[in-house]
């Protein structure tokens, strides 16, 4: 059970006054998030213009590793980043400062090829499941490589519907006998609901400006560190995150 920090995601400039978009800002927030209790960092590297870029992974991960020695660092491989399947795979294959793991969205057509590539180059696979159909696709893959983790990420904003989706995904995984660590998180209106739900299920969770800018009381957080501290207070009230 851990709390992961998702410090920026695909959020645009202007989304939050302290959204980290440069390498220096990501490093600053990464350090602050770890100090606030995060066990891992999930980042979306950006180029000099502030756009998400798989080509920016080397410089970003290298800088993060220097500042956060010993901390696991993950990135996204979202298809929207490069908007071309071949380019996505080319840029992943070119990584020299490889992250510890990378998330792959099972809703994306090229997901199996991206997963196979990550496995070949020694990067852990965080399988992203947003729907029951995503889970069914994952368990039906004929040559699924070993998974670092399953990421149940619920975008549905109605809490009851979101809960049904999360439970349905978990049921598919259980019936298939796919037993891997699970990280559960919500988005915007459901962030804190799923932090609490993850704690109940003894799963990991994540918070950060990628998923939502508000603290549990609905007020705007000053930045990622405040969100992490709030999650740790819920997740491990006795001060122990395992």
Protein backbone atom coordinates (compact mmCIF):
# COMPACT_ATOMS: atom_id res chain seq x y z
CA UNK A 1 0.00 0.00 0.00
CA UNK A 2 1.53 3.27 -1.11
CA UNK A 3 0.55 6.81 -2.01
CA UNK A 4 1.91 7.79 -5.42
CA UNK A 5 2.27 11.41 -6.52
CA UNK A 6 0.92 12.27 -10.00
CA UNK A 7 2.29 15.77 -10.25
CA UNK A 8 1.18 17.14 -13.63
CA UNK A 9 -0.43 14.76 -16.15
CA UNK A 10 -1.90 16.27 -19.30
CA UNK A 11 -3.18 19.35 -17.48
CA UNK A 12 -2.61 22.58 -19.45
CA UNK A 13 -0.68 25.63 -18.34
CA UNK A 14 -3.05 27.80 -16.34
CA UNK A 15 -4.86 24.85 -14.78
CA UNK A 16 -3.18 25.58 -11.46
CA UNK A 17 -0.70 28.33 -10.54
CA UNK A 18 1.85 25.77 -9.33
CA UNK A 19 1.42 23.10 -12.02
CA UNK A 20 4.98 21.82 -12.70
CA UNK A 21 5.73 21.88 -16.44
CA UNK A 22 9.50 22.44 -16.58
CA UNK A 23 12.15 19.94 -15.48
CA UNK A 24 13.17 22.19 -12.58
CA UNK A 25 9.56 22.55 -11.43
CA UNK A 26 8.98 18.80 -11.67
CA UNK A 27 12.10 18.13 -9.63
CA UNK A 28 11.01 20.67 -7.01
CA UNK A 29 7.55 19.12 -6.76
CA UNK A 30 8.95 15.60 -6.81
CA UNK A 31 11.15 16.35 -3.81
CA UNK A 32 8.31 18.10 -1.98
CA UNK A 33 5.94 15.21 -2.70
CA UNK A 34 8.39 12.64 -1.34
CA UNK A 35 8.93 14.76 1.76
CA UNK A 36 5.15 14.93 2.20
CA UNK A 37 4.91 11.14 2.20
CA UNK A 38 4.68 9.98 -1.43
CA UNK A 39 6.40 6.66 -2.10
CA UNK A 40 6.63 7.03 -5.90
CA UNK A 41 6.39 9.67 -8.62
CA UNK A 42 4.30 9.54 -11.80
CA UNK A 43 5.26 12.30 -14.24
CA UNK A 44 4.40 13.52 -17.73
CA UNK A 45 7.63 15.01 -19.13
CA UNK A 46 7.30 18.16 -21.22
CA UNK A 47 9.41 19.73 -23.97
CA UNK A 48 10.73 23.30 -23.89
CA UNK A 49 7.38 24.59 -25.11
CA UNK A 50 5.53 22.85 -22.27
CA UNK A 51 4.03 20.10 -24.46
CA UNK A 52 3.98 16.50 -23.34
CA UNK A 53 6.79 14.60 -25.02
CA UNK A 54 8.16 11.08 -24.88
CA UNK A 55 11.43 12.52 -26.22
CA UNK A 56 11.74 14.53 -23.01
CA UNK A 57 11.75 11.43 -20.81
CA UNK A 58 15.55 11.04 -20.68
CA UNK A 59 16.35 14.52 -19.36
CA UNK A 60 13.40 14.57 -16.98
CA UNK A 61 13.96 11.15 -15.46
CA UNK A 62 17.71 11.81 -15.15
CA UNK A 63 17.07 15.02 -13.22
CA UNK A 64 14.40 13.42 -11.05
CA UNK A 65 16.70 10.53 -10.17
CA UNK A 66 19.48 12.88 -9.10
CA UNK A 67 17.09 14.70 -6.76
CA UNK A 68 15.02 11.72 -5.56
CA UNK A 69 17.60 8.95 -5.25
CA UNK A 70 16.03 5.57 -4.63
CA UNK A 71 12.49 6.66 -5.54
CA UNK A 72 10.59 4.76 -8.23
CA UNK A 73 9.71 7.01 -11.17
CA UNK A 74 7.01 6.28 -13.72
CA UNK A 75 5.83 8.03 -16.87
CA UNK A 76 2.83 7.88 -19.18
CA UNK A 77 2.86 6.44 -22.68
CA UNK A 78 -0.56 7.89 -23.56
CA UNK A 79 -1.29 7.73 -27.29
CA UNK A 80 -2.26 11.41 -27.34
CA UNK A 81 1.28 12.48 -26.42
CA UNK A 82 2.81 11.82 -29.83
CA UNK A 83 -0.52 11.19 -31.63
CA UNK A 84 1.10 8.51 -33.80
CA UNK A 85 1.64 4.87 -32.85
CA UNK A 86 4.90 4.43 -34.74
CA UNK A 87 6.40 7.61 -33.29
CA UNK A 88 5.33 6.55 -29.80
CA UNK A 89 7.20 3.26 -30.14
CA UNK A 90 10.25 4.87 -31.74
CA UNK A 91 10.62 7.36 -28.92
CA UNK A 92 10.15 4.74 -26.22
CA UNK A 93 12.78 2.53 -27.88
CA UNK A 94 15.17 5.49 -27.91
CA UNK A 95 15.03 6.05 -24.15
CA UNK A 96 18.44 5.88 -22.50
CA UNK A 97 17.46 7.06 -19.02
CA UNK A 98 14.62 4.63 -18.63
CA UNK A 99 11.90 5.08 -16.03
CA UNK A 100 11.21 2.29 -13.56
CA UNK A 101 7.75 1.76 -15.04
CA UNK A 102 5.39 3.28 -17.58
CA UNK A 103 1.61 3.31 -17.68
CA UNK A 104 -0.14 1.90 -20.75
CA UNK A 105 -3.83 2.56 -21.37
CA UNK A 106 -5.58 -0.64 -22.41
CA UNK A 107 -8.22 1.40 -24.26
CA UNK A 108 -5.61 2.40 -26.83
CA UNK A 109 -5.30 0.26 -30.00
CA UNK A 110 -1.50 -0.03 -29.83
CA UNK A 111 -1.39 -0.99 -26.14
CA UNK A 112 -0.20 -4.60 -26.69
CA UNK A 113 2.71 -3.46 -28.88
CA UNK A 114 3.72 -0.76 -26.39
CA UNK A 115 3.58 -3.27 -23.54
CA UNK A 116 5.73 -5.73 -25.46
CA UNK A 117 8.27 -3.00 -26.20
CA UNK A 118 8.47 -1.88 -22.58
CA UNK A 119 9.04 -5.48 -21.53
CA UNK A 120 11.86 -5.87 -24.06
CA UNK A 121 13.71 -2.77 -22.84
CA UNK A 122 13.26 -3.60 -19.15
CA UNK A 123 10.69 -0.98 -18.14
CA UNK A 124 7.93 -2.12 -15.80
CA UNK A 125 4.37 -2.05 -17.12
CA UNK A 126 1.56 -0.33 -15.26
CA UNK A 127 -1.58 -1.52 -17.03
CA UNK A 128 -4.16 1.27 -17.03
CA UNK A 129 -7.79 0.14 -16.83
CA UNK A 130 -10.55 2.74 -17.00
CA UNK A 131 -13.43 0.44 -17.96
CA UNK A 132 -14.55 -3.15 -17.55
CA UNK A 133 -13.84 -3.62 -21.27
CA UNK A 134 -10.22 -2.57 -20.64
CA UNK A 135 -9.93 -5.27 -17.96
CA UNK A 136 -11.45 -7.88 -20.24
CA UNK A 137 -9.00 -6.94 -22.96
CA UNK A 138 -6.04 -7.20 -20.59
CA UNK A 139 -6.90 -10.67 -19.32
CA UNK A 140 -7.55 -11.90 -22.87
CA UNK A 141 -4.19 -10.83 -24.31
CA UNK A 142 -2.51 -13.98 -25.65
CA UNK A 143 1.04 -12.89 -24.88
CA UNK A 144 0.67 -10.45 -22.00
CA UNK A 145 4.10 -9.64 -20.53
CA UNK A 146 4.62 -9.55 -16.77
CA UNK A 147 2.98 -6.54 -15.15
CA UNK A 148 4.54 -4.24 -12.59
CA UNK A 149 1.10 -3.15 -11.43
CA UNK A 150 -2.54 -2.81 -12.42
CA UNK A 151 -3.78 0.78 -12.42
CA UNK A 152 -7.55 1.09 -11.94
CA UNK A 153 -8.21 4.67 -12.98
CA UNK A 154 -11.80 5.80 -12.89
CA UNK A 155 -12.81 8.85 -14.93
CA UNK A 156 -16.59 8.54 -14.39
CA UNK A 157 -17.69 11.46 -12.19
CA UNK A 158 -20.87 9.96 -10.71
CA UNK A 159 -19.63 8.22 -7.57
CA UNK A 160 -22.10 5.34 -7.70
CA UNK A 161 -21.38 4.60 -11.35
CA UNK A 162 -17.66 4.99 -10.73
CA UNK A 163 -17.83 2.49 -7.89
CA UNK A 164 -19.63 -0.02 -10.12
CA UNK A 165 -16.90 0.30 -12.74
CA UNK A 166 -14.11 -0.17 -10.20
CA UNK A 167 -15.82 -3.21 -8.69
CA UNK A 168 -16.43 -4.66 -12.16
CA UNK A 169 -12.77 -4.28 -13.11
CA UNK A 170 -11.65 -5.94 -9.88
CA UNK A 171 -14.07 -8.81 -10.51
CA UNK A 172 -12.71 -9.42 -14.02
CA UNK A 173 -9.15 -9.51 -12.67
CA UNK A 174 -10.09 -11.86 -9.85
CA UNK A 175 -12.01 -14.26 -12.08
CA UNK A 176 -9.04 -14.40 -14.46
CA UNK A 177 -6.65 -15.09 -11.59
CA UNK A 178 -4.59 -12.01 -12.43
CA UNK A 179 -3.00 -11.25 -9.10
CA UNK A 180 -0.82 -8.14 -9.28
CA UNK A 181 -0.49 -5.07 -7.05
CA UNK A 182 -3.38 -2.67 -7.65
CA UNK A 183 -3.38 1.11 -7.52
CA UNK A 184 -6.85 2.71 -7.50
CA UNK A 185 -7.48 6.38 -8.16
CA UNK A 186 -10.22 8.74 -9.22
CA UNK A 187 -10.34 12.00 -11.13
CA UNK A 188 -11.67 15.43 -10.12
CA UNK A 189 -14.91 14.77 -8.20
CA UNK A 190 -13.98 11.19 -7.22
CA UNK A 191 -10.35 11.64 -6.12
CA UNK A 192 -10.91 11.45 -2.38
CA UNK A 193 -13.66 8.85 -2.60
CA UNK A 194 -11.19 6.45 -4.20
CA UNK A 195 -8.36 7.33 -1.83
CA UNK A 196 -10.63 6.11 0.98
CA UNK A 197 -11.81 3.15 -1.07
CA UNK A 198 -8.23 2.09 -1.81
CA UNK A 199 -7.41 2.16 1.88
CA UNK A 200 -10.44 -0.04 2.61
CA UNK A 201 -9.34 -2.54 -0.04
CA UNK A 202 -5.68 -2.38 1.01
CA UNK A 203 -4.70 -1.21 -2.44
CA UNK A 204 -2.34 1.62 -3.30
CA UNK A 205 -3.60 5.03 -4.42
CA UNK A 206 -2.38 8.28 -5.91
CA UNK A 207 -3.14 11.99 -5.79
CA UNK A 208 -1.69 15.11 -7.39
CA UNK A 209 -2.52 17.88 -9.80
CA UNK A 210 -2.95 15.34 -12.61
CA UNK A 211 -6.04 13.97 -10.90
CA UNK A 212 -7.43 17.05 -9.18
CA UNK A 213 -6.42 20.31 -7.46
CA UNK A 214 -8.68 20.25 -4.40
CA UNK A 215 -8.10 19.00 -0.88
CA UNK A 216 -10.66 16.76 0.85
CA UNK A 217 -12.53 19.81 2.17
CA UNK A 218 -12.94 21.15 -1.38
CA UNK A 219 -10.49 24.02 -1.05
CA UNK A 220 -7.76 24.56 -3.62
CA UNK A 221 -4.43 23.03 -2.63
CA UNK A 222 -1.33 25.18 -2.93
CA UNK A 223 0.37 22.37 -4.79
CA UNK A 224 1.16 18.68 -4.97
CA UNK A 225 2.74 18.42 -1.54
CA UNK A 226 -0.49 19.51 0.17
CA UNK A 227 -2.46 16.91 -1.76
CA UNK A 228 0.00 14.18 -0.84
CA UNK A 229 -0.03 15.16 2.83
CA UNK A 230 -3.84 15.03 2.85
CA UNK A 231 -3.84 11.58 1.23
CA UNK A 232 -1.26 10.24 3.65
CA UNK A 233 -3.34 11.51 6.57
CA UNK A 234 -6.31 9.48 5.26
CA UNK A 235 -4.35 6.50 4.04
CA UNK A 236 -2.04 6.06 6.99
CA UNK A 237 -3.44 7.97 9.97
CA UNK A 238 -0.89 6.36 12.28
CA UNK A 239 1.98 7.58 10.13
CA UNK A 240 2.84 4.26 8.49
CA UNK A 241 2.49 3.71 4.75
CA UNK A 242 3.48 0.19 3.73
